[in-house]
C-alpha atoms as a PDB file:
ATOM      1  CA  MET A   1       0.054   0.191  -0.133  1.00  0.00           C
ATOM      2  CA  SER A   2       2.939   2.666   1.207  1.00  0.00           C
ATOM      3  CA  GLU A   3       4.167   1.942  -2.822  1.00  0.00           C
ATOM      4  CA  SER A   4       1.166   3.101  -4.320  1.00  0.00           C
ATOM      5  CA  LEU A   5       0.662   6.033  -1.937  1.00  0.00           C
ATOM      6  CA  VAL A   6       4.434   7.012  -2.729  1.00  0.00           C
ATOM      7  CA  GLU A   7       3.741   7.028  -6.292  1.00  0.00           C
ATOM      8  CA  ARG A   8       0.712   9.045  -6.509  1.00  0.00           C
ATOM      9  CA  ILE A   9       2.667  11.149  -4.192  1.00  0.00           C
ATOM     10  CA  SER A  10       5.327  11.646  -6.755  1.00  0.00           C
ATOM     11  CA  ALA A  11       2.296  12.079  -8.969  1.00  0.00           C
ATOM     12  CA  GLY A  12       1.502  15.082  -7.628  1.00  0.00           C
ATOM     13  CA  ASP A  13      -2.151  13.388  -5.933  1.00  0.00           C
ATOM     14  CA  ILE A  14      -3.359  16.154  -3.374  1.00  0.00           C
ATOM     15  CA  ASN A  15      -5.147  13.877  -1.563  1.00  0.00           C
ATOM     16  CA  ALA A  16      -1.850  11.247  -1.204  1.00  0.00           C
ATOM     17  CA  VAL A  17       0.006  13.753   0.352  1.00  0.00           C
ATOM     18  CA  ALA A  18      -2.999  15.012   2.595  1.00  0.00           C
ATOM     19  CA  ARG A  19      -3.183  11.538   3.784  1.00  0.00           C
ATOM     20  CA  ALA A  20       0.832  10.840   4.192  1.00  0.00           C
ATOM     21  CA  ILE A  21       0.931  14.169   5.906  1.00  0.00           C
ATOM     22  CA  SER A  22      -2.169  12.640   8.288  1.00  0.00           C
ATOM     23  CA  LYS A  23       0.571   9.681   9.161  1.00  0.00           C
ATOM     24  CA  VAL A  24       3.364  11.249   9.926  1.00  0.00           C
ATOM     25  CA  GLU A  25       1.551  13.692  12.110  1.00  0.00           C
ATOM     26  CA  ASP A  26      -0.766  10.924  14.059  1.00  0.00           C
ATOM     27  CA  GLY A  27       2.721   8.619  14.150  1.00  0.00           C
ATOM     28  CA  ALA A  28       1.105   5.834  12.647  1.00  0.00           C
ATOM     29  CA  SER A  29       3.075   2.616  12.413  1.00  0.00           C
ATOM     30  CA  GLU A  30       3.628   2.873   9.229  1.00  0.00           C
ATOM     31  CA  ALA A  31       5.092   6.258   9.204  1.00  0.00           C
ATOM     32  CA  SER A  32       8.779   5.659   9.433  1.00  0.00           C
ATOM     33  CA  GLY A  33       8.559   2.933   5.931  1.00  0.00           C
ATOM     34  CA  LEU A  34       6.362   5.802   3.961  1.00  0.00           C
ATOM     35  CA  MET A  35       9.100   7.999   4.932  1.00  0.00           C
ATOM     36  CA  LYS A  36      12.395   5.939   3.979  1.00  0.00           C
ATOM     37  CA  GLU A  37      10.424   5.395   0.590  1.00  0.00           C
ATOM     38  CA  ILE A  38      10.093   9.347   0.578  1.00  0.00           C
ATOM     39  CA  PHE A  39      13.238  10.782   1.372  1.00  0.00           C
ATOM     40  CA  PRO A  40      15.558   9.605  -2.200  1.00  0.00           C
ATOM     41  CA  ARG A  41      13.122  11.703  -3.687  1.00  0.00           C
ATOM     42  CA  THR A  42      13.519  15.134  -1.930  1.00  0.00           C
ATOM     43  CA  GLY A  43      15.896  18.019  -2.250  1.00  0.00           C
ATOM     44  CA  ARG A  44      14.313  19.610  -5.221  1.00  0.00           C
ATOM     45  CA  ALA A  45      12.108  21.939  -3.256  1.00  0.00           C
ATOM     46  CA  LEU A  46      13.057  25.805  -1.838  1.00  0.00           C
ATOM     47  CA  VAL A  47      11.980  25.749   1.526  1.00  0.00           C
ATOM     48  CA  VAL A  48      11.049  29.130   3.351  1.00  0.00           C
ATOM     49  CA  GLY A  49      10.596  29.569   6.895  1.00  0.00           C
ATOM     50  CA  ILE A  50       8.392  32.483   8.021  1.00  0.00           C
ATOM     51  CA  THR A  51       8.346  33.543  11.847  1.00  0.00           C
ATOM     52  CA  GLY A  52       7.637  36.456  14.007  1.00  0.00           C
ATOM     53  CA  ALA A  53       5.795  37.669  16.849  1.00  0.00           C
ATOM     54  CA  PRO A  54       2.503  36.788  16.841  1.00  0.00           C
ATOM     55  CA  GLY A  55      -0.074  39.930  15.384  1.00  0.00           C
ATOM     56  CA  ALA A  56       3.182  40.561  12.734  1.00  0.00           C
ATOM     57  CA  GLY A  57       1.192  39.538   9.786  1.00  0.00           C
ATOM     58  CA  LYS A  58       2.742  36.165   8.775  1.00  0.00           C
ATOM     59  CA  SER A  59      -0.459  34.924   7.845  1.00  0.00           C
ATOM     60  CA  SER A  60      -0.937  37.965   5.210  1.00  0.00           C
ATOM     61  CA  LEU A  61       2.251  37.736   3.960  1.00  0.00           C
ATOM     62  CA  VAL A  62       2.958  34.163   3.038  1.00  0.00           C
ATOM     63  CA  ASP A  63      -0.682  34.523   1.443  1.00  0.00           C
ATOM     64  CA  LYS A  64       0.534  37.176  -0.860  1.00  0.00           C
ATOM     65  CA  LEU A  65       3.885  35.543  -0.961  1.00  0.00           C
ATOM     66  CA  ALA A  66       2.566  32.196  -2.317  1.00  0.00           C
ATOM     67  CA  ALA A  67      -0.125  33.992  -4.772  1.00  0.00           C
ATOM     68  CA  PHE A  68       3.156  36.271  -6.047  1.00  0.00           C
ATOM     69  CA  TYR A  69       4.779  32.416  -6.714  1.00  0.00           C
ATOM     70  CA  ARG A  70       1.828  31.392  -8.378  1.00  0.00           C
ATOM     71  CA  THR A  71       1.848  33.842 -10.690  1.00  0.00           C
ATOM     72  CA  LYS A  72       5.203  32.379 -12.053  1.00  0.00           C
ATOM     73  CA  GLY A  73       3.605  29.273 -12.678  1.00  0.00           C
ATOM     74  CA  GLU A  74       5.331  27.805  -9.568  1.00  0.00           C
ATOM     75  CA  ARG A  75       3.068  24.863  -7.390  1.00  0.00           C
ATOM     76  CA  VAL A  76       3.241  26.258  -3.701  1.00  0.00           C
ATOM     77  CA  GLY A  77       2.914  24.203  -0.317  1.00  0.00           C
ATOM     78  CA  ILE A  78       2.413  25.622   3.239  1.00  0.00           C
ATOM     79  CA  ILE A  79       2.052  24.453   6.186  1.00  0.00           C
ATOM     80  CA  ALA A  80       0.972  27.076   9.158  1.00  0.00           C
ATOM     81  CA  VAL A  81       2.214  25.917  12.785  1.00  0.00           C
ATOM     82  CA  ASP A  82      -0.451  27.064  14.956  1.00  0.00           C
ATOM     83  CA  PRO A  83      -0.840  27.291  18.805  1.00  0.00           C
ATOM     84  CA  SER A  84      -4.299  26.026  19.119  1.00  0.00           C
ATOM     85  CA  SER A  85      -6.298  22.903  18.804  1.00  0.00           C
ATOM     86  CA  PRO A  86      -8.262  21.766  15.767  1.00  0.00           C
ATOM     87  CA  PHE A  87     -11.055  20.947  17.975  1.00  0.00           C
ATOM     88  CA  SER A  88     -11.640  24.557  19.074  1.00  0.00           C
ATOM     89  CA  GLY A  89     -10.506  26.511  15.774  1.00  0.00           C
ATOM     90  CA  GLY A  90      -8.915  29.701  16.910  1.00  0.00           C
ATOM     91  CA  ALA A  91      -5.980  30.978  15.199  1.00  0.00           C
ATOM     92  CA  ILE A  92      -6.272  28.058  13.185  1.00  0.00           C
ATOM     93  CA  LEU A  93      -9.061  29.068  11.112  1.00  0.00           C
ATOM     94  CA  GLY A  94      -9.246  32.730  11.556  1.00  0.00           C
ATOM     95  CA  ASP A  95      -5.509  32.821   9.905  1.00  0.00           C
ATOM     96  CA  ARG A  96      -7.020  30.745   7.693  1.00  0.00           C
ATOM     97  CA  ILE A  97      -9.435  32.726   6.455  1.00  0.00           C
ATOM     98  CA  ARG A  98      -7.822  35.395   5.073  1.00  0.00           C
ATOM     99  CA  MET A  99      -6.081  32.152   2.713  1.00  0.00           C
ATOM    100  CA  GLN A 100      -9.290  31.450   1.295  1.00  0.00           C
ATOM    101  CA  THR A 101      -8.851  32.770  -2.332  1.00  0.00           C
ATOM    102  CA  LEU A 102      -5.012  30.520  -2.356  1.00  0.00           C
ATOM    103  CA  SER A 103      -7.034  27.266  -0.866  1.00  0.00           C
ATOM    104  CA  LEU A 104      -9.233  27.448  -3.808  1.00  0.00           C
ATOM    105  CA  ASP A 105      -6.171  27.163  -6.056  1.00  0.00           C
ATOM    106  CA  LYS A 106      -5.089  23.524  -7.345  1.00  0.00           C
ATOM    107  CA  GLY A 107      -0.961  24.738  -7.543  1.00  0.00           C
ATOM    108  CA  VAL A 108      -2.023  25.413  -3.668  1.00  0.00           C
ATOM    109  CA  PHE A 109      -1.568  22.863  -1.273  1.00  0.00           C
ATOM    110  CA  ILE A 110      -2.435  24.629   2.722  1.00  0.00           C
ATOM    111  CA  ARG A 111      -2.409  22.038   6.111  1.00  0.00           C
ATOM    112  CA  SER A 112      -2.213  23.736   9.392  1.00  0.00           C
ATOM    113  CA  MET A 113      -0.378  21.479  11.992  1.00  0.00           C
ATOM    114  CA  ALA A 114      -1.461  22.106  15.824  1.00  0.00           C
ATOM    115  CA  THR A 115       0.766  22.513  18.503  1.00  0.00           C
ATOM    116  CA  ARG A 116      -1.643  22.138  21.638  1.00  0.00           C
ATOM    117  CA  GLY A 117      -1.544  18.025  22.490  1.00  0.00           C
ATOM    118  CA  ASN A 118       1.878  17.386  20.878  1.00  0.00           C
ATOM    119  CA  LEU A 119       4.633  16.157  23.267  1.00  0.00           C
ATOM    120  CA  GLY A 120       7.524  16.921  20.730  1.00  0.00           C
ATOM    121  CA  GLY A 121       7.501  15.420  17.748  1.00  0.00           C
ATOM    122  CA  LEU A 122       5.922  18.332  16.367  1.00  0.00           C
ATOM    123  CA  ALA A 123       8.829  19.807  14.783  1.00  0.00           C
ATOM    124  CA  ARG A 124       9.750  15.941  12.936  1.00  0.00           C
ATOM    125  CA  ALA A 125       5.858  16.343  11.564  1.00  0.00           C
ATOM    126  CA  THR A 126       6.342  19.618   9.918  1.00  0.00           C
ATOM    127  CA  VAL A 127       9.897  19.010   8.775  1.00  0.00           C
ATOM    128  CA  GLU A 128       8.422  15.082   7.566  1.00  0.00           C
ATOM    129  CA  ALA A 129       5.501  17.198   6.029  1.00  0.00           C
ATOM    130  CA  VAL A 130       7.873  19.401   3.974  1.00  0.00           C
ATOM    131  CA  ALA A 131       9.800  16.255   2.480  1.00  0.00           C
ATOM    132  CA  ILE A 132       6.438  14.805   1.508  1.00  0.00           C
ATOM    133  CA  LEU A 133       5.567  18.222  -0.273  1.00  0.00           C
ATOM    134  CA  ASP A 134       9.129  18.230  -1.879  1.00  0.00           C
ATOM    135  CA  ALA A 135       8.338  14.748  -3.198  1.00  0.00           C
ATOM    136  CA  ALA A 136       4.972  15.704  -4.493  1.00  0.00           C
ATOM    137  CA  GLY A 137       6.836  18.008  -6.665  1.00  0.00           C
ATOM    138  CA  TYR A 138       6.317  21.279  -5.087  1.00  0.00           C
ATOM    139  CA  GLU A 139       8.592  24.333  -6.185  1.00  0.00           C
ATOM    140  CA  LYS A 140       8.059  26.458  -2.802  1.00  0.00           C
ATOM    141  CA  ILE A 141       7.324  25.584   0.513  1.00  0.00           C
ATOM    142  CA  VAL A 142       6.410  28.299   2.985  1.00  0.00           C
ATOM    143  CA  VAL A 143       6.528  27.051   6.877  1.00  0.00           C
ATOM    144  CA  GLU A 144       4.622  29.551   8.663  1.00  0.00           C
ATOM    145  CA  THR A 145       5.033  29.384  12.865  1.00  0.00           C
ATOM    146  CA  VAL A 146       4.662  31.156  15.835  1.00  0.00           C
ATOM    147  CA  GLY A 147       6.869  33.376  18.038  1.00  0.00           C
ATOM    148  CA  VAL A 148      10.717  32.747  18.152  1.00  0.00           C
ATOM    149  CA  GLY A 149      11.089  30.249  20.964  1.00  0.00           C
ATOM    150  CA  GLN A 150      13.221  26.885  21.074  1.00  0.00           C
ATOM    151  CA  ASP A 151      11.046  24.970  18.802  1.00  0.00           C
ATOM    152  CA  GLU A 152      10.301  27.894  15.816  1.00  0.00           C
ATOM    153  CA  ILE A 153      13.851  28.181  16.015  1.00  0.00           C
ATOM    154  CA  GLU A 154      14.710  24.494  15.530  1.00  0.00           C
ATOM    155  CA  ILE A 155      12.135  24.572  12.401  1.00  0.00           C
ATOM    156  CA  ALA A 156      13.618  27.325  11.131  1.00  0.00           C
ATOM    157  CA  LYS A 157      16.420  25.734  11.049  1.00  0.00           C
ATOM    158  CA  THR A 158      14.958  22.927   8.559  1.00  0.00           C
ATOM    159  CA  ALA A 159      13.859  26.212   5.875  1.00  0.00           C
ATOM    160  CA  ASP A 160      16.692  26.529   3.556  1.00  0.00           C
ATOM    161  CA  VAL A 161      16.022  30.222   3.929  1.00  0.00           C
ATOM    162  CA  CYS A 162      14.681  32.190   7.113  1.00  0.00           C
ATOM    163  CA  VAL A 163      12.341  35.549   7.116  1.00  0.00           C
ATOM    164  CA  VAL A 164      12.109  37.002  10.529  1.00  0.00           C
ATOM    165  CA  VAL A 165       8.971  39.130  10.376  1.00  0.00           C
ATOM    166  CA  LEU A 166       8.359  41.841  13.106  1.00  0.00           C
ATOM    167  CA  VAL A 167       6.007  45.770  12.515  1.00  0.00           C
ATOM    168  CA  PRO A 168       6.969  49.109  13.896  1.00  0.00           C
ATOM    169  CA  GLY A 169       7.241  50.141  17.106  1.00  0.00           C
ATOM    170  CA  MET A 170       7.953  47.013  18.827  1.00  0.00           C
ATOM    171  CA  GLY A 171      11.164  48.765  20.486  1.00  0.00           C
ATOM    172  CA  ASP A 172      12.057  45.942  23.428  1.00  0.00           C
ATOM    173  CA  ASP A 173      10.403  42.673  21.789  1.00  0.00           C
ATOM    174  CA  VAL A 174      13.521  43.151  18.895  1.00  0.00           C
ATOM    175  CA  GLN A 175      15.969  43.456  21.976  1.00  0.00           C
ATOM    176  CA  THR A 176      14.466  40.281  22.986  1.00  0.00           C
ATOM    177  CA  MET A 177      14.445  38.135  19.965  1.00  0.00           C
ATOM    178  CA  LYS A 178      18.361  39.343  19.312  1.00  0.00           C
ATOM    179  CA  ALA A 179      19.209  36.120  19.683  1.00  0.00           C
ATOM    180  CA  GLY A 180      16.612  34.372  17.162  1.00  0.00           C
ATOM    181  CA  ILE A 181      17.315  37.139  14.707  1.00  0.00           C
ATOM    182  CA  MET A 182      20.594  36.698  14.960  1.00  0.00           C
ATOM    183  CA  GLU A 183      20.708  32.566  14.232  1.00  0.00           C
ATOM    184  CA  ILE A 184      18.240  32.381  12.264  1.00  0.00           C
ATOM    185  CA  GLY A 185      17.209  35.226  10.056  1.00  0.00           C
ATOM    186  CA  ASP A 186      18.192  35.236   6.792  1.00  0.00           C
ATOM    187  CA  VAL A 187      15.944  37.770   5.676  1.00  0.00           C
ATOM    188  CA  LEU A 188      14.166  40.513   7.898  1.00  0.00           C
ATOM    189  CA  VAL A 189      11.053  42.017   6.624  1.00  0.00           C
ATOM    190  CA  ILE A 190       8.944  45.134   8.462  1.00  0.00           C
ATOM    191  CA  ASN A 191       5.861  44.492   7.334  1.00  0.00           C
ATOM    192  CA  LYS A 192       2.974  46.984   8.021  1.00  0.00           C
ATOM    193  CA  ALA A 193       5.497  49.398   6.883  1.00  0.00           C
ATOM    194  CA  ASP A 194       2.976  52.312   6.586  1.00  0.00           C
ATOM    195  CA  ARG A 195       2.862  52.885  10.399  1.00  0.00           C
ATOM    196  CA  ASP A 196       4.596  54.943  12.568  1.00  0.00           C
ATOM    197  CA  GLY A 197       8.212  54.087  13.369  1.00  0.00           C
ATOM    198  CA  VAL A 198       9.163  52.192  10.717  1.00  0.00           C
ATOM    199  CA  LEU A 199      12.359  54.367  10.442  1.00  0.00           C
ATOM    200  CA  ARG A 200      13.251  53.872  13.986  1.00  0.00           C
ATOM    201  CA  THR A 201      12.982  49.902  14.175  1.00  0.00           C
ATOM    202  CA  GLU A 202      15.044  49.631  10.963  1.00  0.00           C
ATOM    203  CA  LYS A 203      17.804  51.546  12.427  1.00  0.00           C
ATOM    204  CA  GLU A 204      17.891  49.275  15.189  1.00  0.00           C
ATOM    205  CA  LEU A 205      17.809  45.834  13.453  1.00  0.00           C
ATOM    206  CA  GLU A 206      20.560  47.275  11.354  1.00  0.00           C
ATOM    207  CA  ALA A 207      22.538  48.135  15.085  1.00  0.00           C
ATOM    208  CA  LEU A 208      22.028  44.824  15.907  1.00  0.00           C
ATOM    209  CA  LEU A 209      23.189  43.113  12.314  1.00  0.00           C
ATOM    210  CA  SER A 210      26.098  45.356  12.556  1.00  0.00           C
ATOM    211  CA  LEU A 211      26.623  43.829  15.842  1.00  0.00           C
ATOM    212  CA  SER A 212      27.313  40.220  14.861  1.00  0.00           C
ATOM    213  CA  GLU A 213      29.283  38.482  12.080  1.00  0.00           C
ATOM    214  CA  ARG A 214      27.525  35.652  10.680  1.00  0.00           C
ATOM    215  CA  SER A 215      29.709  32.312   9.501  1.00  0.00           C
ATOM    216  CA  ASP A 216      28.421  32.490   5.899  1.00  0.00           C
ATOM    217  CA  GLU A 217      29.356  36.254   5.744  1.00  0.00           C
ATOM    218  CA  TRP A 218      25.714  36.628   4.255  1.00  0.00           C
ATOM    219  CA  GLN A 219      24.301  40.053   5.666  1.00  0.00           C
ATOM    220  CA  PRO A 220      20.422  39.770   5.832  1.00  0.00           C
ATOM    221  CA  PRO A 221      18.762  42.251   3.750  1.00  0.00           C
ATOM    222  CA  ILE A 222      15.844  44.124   5.586  1.00  0.00           C
ATOM    223  CA  VAL A 223      12.755  44.324   3.242  1.00  0.00           C
ATOM    224  CA  LYS A 224       9.657  46.748   3.748  1.00  0.00           C
ATOM    225  CA  THR A 225       6.037  45.418   3.097  1.00  0.00           C
ATOM    226  CA  VAL A 226       2.943  46.440   3.358  1.00  0.00           C
ATOM    227  CA  ALA A 227       1.433  42.653   3.128  1.00  0.00           C
ATOM    228  CA  ILE A 228      -2.731  43.519   3.004  1.00  0.00           C
ATOM    229  CA  GLU A 229      -1.567  45.974   0.048  1.00  0.00           C
ATOM    230  CA  ASN A 230       0.883  43.561  -1.363  1.00  0.00           C
ATOM    231  CA  LYS A 231       3.405  46.276  -1.540  1.00  0.00           C
ATOM    232  CA  GLY A 232       6.916  44.498  -1.099  1.00  0.00           C
ATOM    233  CA  ILE A 233       6.185  41.259  -1.989  1.00  0.00           C
ATOM    234  CA  GLN A 234       8.184  41.062  -4.628  1.00  0.00           C
ATOM    235  CA  GLU A 235      11.329  42.398  -3.182  1.00  0.00           C
ATOM    236  CA  LEU A 236      10.884  39.813  -0.700  1.00  0.00           C
ATOM    237  CA  ALA A 237      10.790  37.141  -2.740  1.00  0.00           C
ATOM    238  CA  VAL A 238      13.729  38.297  -4.908  1.00  0.00           C
ATOM    239  CA  ALA A 239      15.483  38.801  -1.547  1.00  0.00           C
ATOM    240  CA  ILE A 240      15.015  35.254  -0.555  1.00  0.00           C
ATOM    241  CA  GLU A 241      16.252  34.014  -4.252  1.00  0.00           C
ATOM    242  CA  ARG A 242      19.283  36.134  -3.205  1.00  0.00           C
ATOM    243  CA  SER A 243      20.123  34.025   0.521  1.00  0.00           C
ATOM    244  CA  TYR A 244      19.359  30.737  -1.707  1.00  0.00           C
ATOM    245  CA  ASP A 245      21.499  31.476  -4.117  1.00  0.00           C
ATOM    246  CA  ASN A 246      24.248  32.875  -1.780  1.00  0.00           C
ATOM    247  CA  GLN A 247      23.681  29.737   0.902  1.00  0.00           C
ATOM    248  CA  LYS A 248      23.893  27.548  -1.990  1.00  0.00           C
ATOM    249  CA  ASN A 249      27.663  29.044  -2.825  1.00  0.00           C
ATOM    250  CA  SER A 250      29.047  29.178   0.888  1.00  0.00           C
ATOM    251  CA  PRO A 251      31.708  26.983   1.772  1.00  0.00           C
ATOM    252  CA  THR A 252      29.661  26.750   4.979  1.00  0.00           C
ATOM    253  CA  SER A 253      27.294  24.800   2.905  1.00  0.00           C
ATOM    254  CA  ALA A 254      27.879  21.591   3.594  1.00  0.00           C
ATOM    255  CA  ALA A 255      28.100  22.290   7.291  1.00  0.00           C
ATOM    256  CA  ARG A 256      24.661  23.254   7.709  1.00  0.00           C
ATOM    257  CA  ARG A 257      23.212  20.613   5.252  1.00  0.00           C
ATOM    258  CA  THR A 258      25.070  18.739   7.844  1.00  0.00           C
ATOM    259  CA  ALA A 259      24.139  20.120  11.307  1.00  0.00           C
ATOM    260  CA  ILE A 260      20.347  19.436   9.969  1.00  0.00           C
ATOM    261  CA  ALA A 261      20.815  15.862   9.666  1.00  0.00           C
ATOM    262  CA  ARG A 262      22.496  15.504  12.855  1.00  0.00           C
ATOM    263  CA  TRP A 263      19.340  17.224  14.647  1.00  0.00           C
ATOM    264  CA  ARG A 264      16.900  15.018  12.655  1.00  0.00           C
ATOM    265  CA  ILE A 265      18.415  12.230  13.204  1.00  0.00           C
ATOM    266  CA  LEU A 266      18.550  12.914  17.170  1.00  0.00           C
ATOM    267  CA  GLU A 267      15.098  13.976  16.972  1.00  0.00           C
ATOM    268  CA  LEU A 268      13.920  10.718  15.773  1.00  0.00           C
ATOM    269  CA  LEU A 269      16.101   8.584  18.293  1.00  0.00           C
ATOM    270  CA  ARG A 270      14.748  11.236  20.861  1.00  0.00           C
ATOM    271  CA  GLU A 271      11.129   9.777  19.932  1.00  0.00           C
ATOM    272  CA  ARG A 272      11.737   6.361  19.374  1.00  0.00           C
ATOM    273  CA  LEU A 273      13.927   6.030  22.447  1.00  0.00           C
ATOM    274  CA  VAL A 274      10.747   7.263  24.555  1.00  0.00           C
ATOM    275  CA  ALA A 275       7.769   5.144  23.192  1.00  0.00           C
ATOM    276  CA  GLN A 276      10.544   2.207  23.704  1.00  0.00           C
ATOM    277  CA  THR A 277      11.029   2.939  27.269  1.00  0.00           C
ATOM    278  CA  LEU A 278       6.824   4.238  28.120  1.00  0.00           C
ATOM    279  CA  ASN A 279       5.771   0.825  25.556  1.00  0.00           C
ATOM    280  CA  GLY A 280       2.934  -1.055  27.355  1.00  0.00           C
ATOM    281  CA  ASN A 281       0.340  -0.089  29.868  1.00  0.00           C
ATOM    282  CA  SER A 282       2.677  -1.437  32.530  1.00  0.00           C
ATOM    283  CA  ALA A 283       5.039   1.308  31.825  1.00  0.00           C
ATOM    284  CA  SER A 284       2.505   4.080  31.224  1.00  0.00           C
ATOM    285  CA  GLU A 285       0.824   3.221  35.118  1.00  0.00           C
ATOM    286  CA  LYS A 286       4.769   3.762  36.706  1.00  0.00           C
ATOM    287  CA  LEU A 287       4.944   6.066  35.015  1.00  0.00           C
ATOM    288  CA  ASP A 288       1.534   7.874  36.548  1.00  0.00           C
ATOM    289  CA  LYS A 289       3.082   6.506  39.918  1.00  0.00           C
ATOM    290  CA  LEU A 290       6.584   7.943  39.902  1.00  0.00           C
ATOM    291  CA  ALA A 291       5.340  11.262  38.856  1.00  0.00           C
ATOM    292  CA  GLN A 292       2.819  10.901  41.831  1.00  0.00           C
ATOM    293  CA  GLU A 293       5.656  10.303  43.822  1.00  0.00           C
ATOM    294  CA  VAL A 294       8.012  13.612  42.153  1.00  0.00           C
ATOM    295  CA  ALA A 295       5.024  15.495  43.159  1.00  0.00           C
ATOM    296  CA  ALA A 296       4.393  14.400  46.149  1.00  0.00           C
ATOM    297  CA  LYS A 297       8.605  15.155  46.932  1.00  0.00           C
ATOM    298  CA  SER A 298       9.029  11.419  48.099  1.00  0.00           C
ATOM    299  CA  ARG A 299      11.286  11.073  44.773  1.00  0.00           C
ATOM    300  CA  ASP A 300      13.332  12.978  42.169  1.00  0.00           C
ATOM    301  CA  PRO A 301      12.962  13.179  39.051  1.00  0.00           C
ATOM    302  CA  TYR A 302      16.340  12.198  38.266  1.00  0.00           C
ATOM    303  CA  SER A 303      16.388   8.800  40.165  1.00  0.00           C
ATOM    304  CA  ALA A 304      12.580   8.267  38.413  1.00  0.00           C
ATOM    305  CA  VAL A 305      14.446   8.486  34.754  1.00  0.00           C
ATOM    306  CA  ASP A 306      16.793   6.025  36.173  1.00  0.00           C
ATOM    307  CA  GLU A 307      14.367   3.883  37.334  1.00  0.00           C
ATOM    308  CA  LEU A 308      12.312   3.662  34.015  1.00  0.00           C
ATOM    309  CA  LEU A 309      15.819   3.587  31.570  1.00  0.00           C
ATOM    310  CA  ALA A 310      16.400   0.424  34.041  1.00  0.00           C
ATOM    311  CA  LYS A 311      13.391  -1.235  33.431  1.00  0.00           C
END
């Protein structure tokens, strides 16, 4: 069955793509075998990670960027990592309403992946969903995440180009995000650039960039956009392509790919080890008992882990 599913994915079958992503997201038993077959068919797409603080207008930016790519005749896959449950709606429904026009386009595949209820594994599922879209022949794949926490930074690391979105007047937020911007930002976007304070935000970013030198010697460009008015989108697309070309020609390119591969292996290893350690009802009951003891301060969490591993 998996072989025919992989063939259908390679042929660009939307239903097969959706089914495969559901399998990896749910951690189905056949997901591992499916991804083994998918992996050799990947490596052709440009993966763009878009992250930034809530309210920065990322969804509108993704919408317009995808529409721009469609005018070039390219198929676009969009994965939106939402901090809400698929059952309660919320951000998923709100953000995706803006993409209604795109959702009617057969050349665009949109998938929301909810963070709530996922204890680890979300980053892995997102990366595997990207691989499935890549194998299905989508030339551009956009991953939209919320915030710049550690999970988002790790997901963004797996993108070819990471775009960090800010808005004028963030002030202290720019300082707070300093480490994340320096680490993952290949292109910096000031969205809603028709607001007051855009020049100050631009100067703050330039000051931050001047304090740090990247190993690949790339100087992240700062692009000003007004997404809802479709302004600056072409400039953003050009900046993304320039960053991608720079990376491909950079001496650090191989090291970056190796670091990403190492991260993926460790993610899979952690998940596999946890699953094996907690396999079966008795292990789950043991975990509950240990959790009660740790909560009651009658045992420390370190010896609890030792006991689980010894078992």
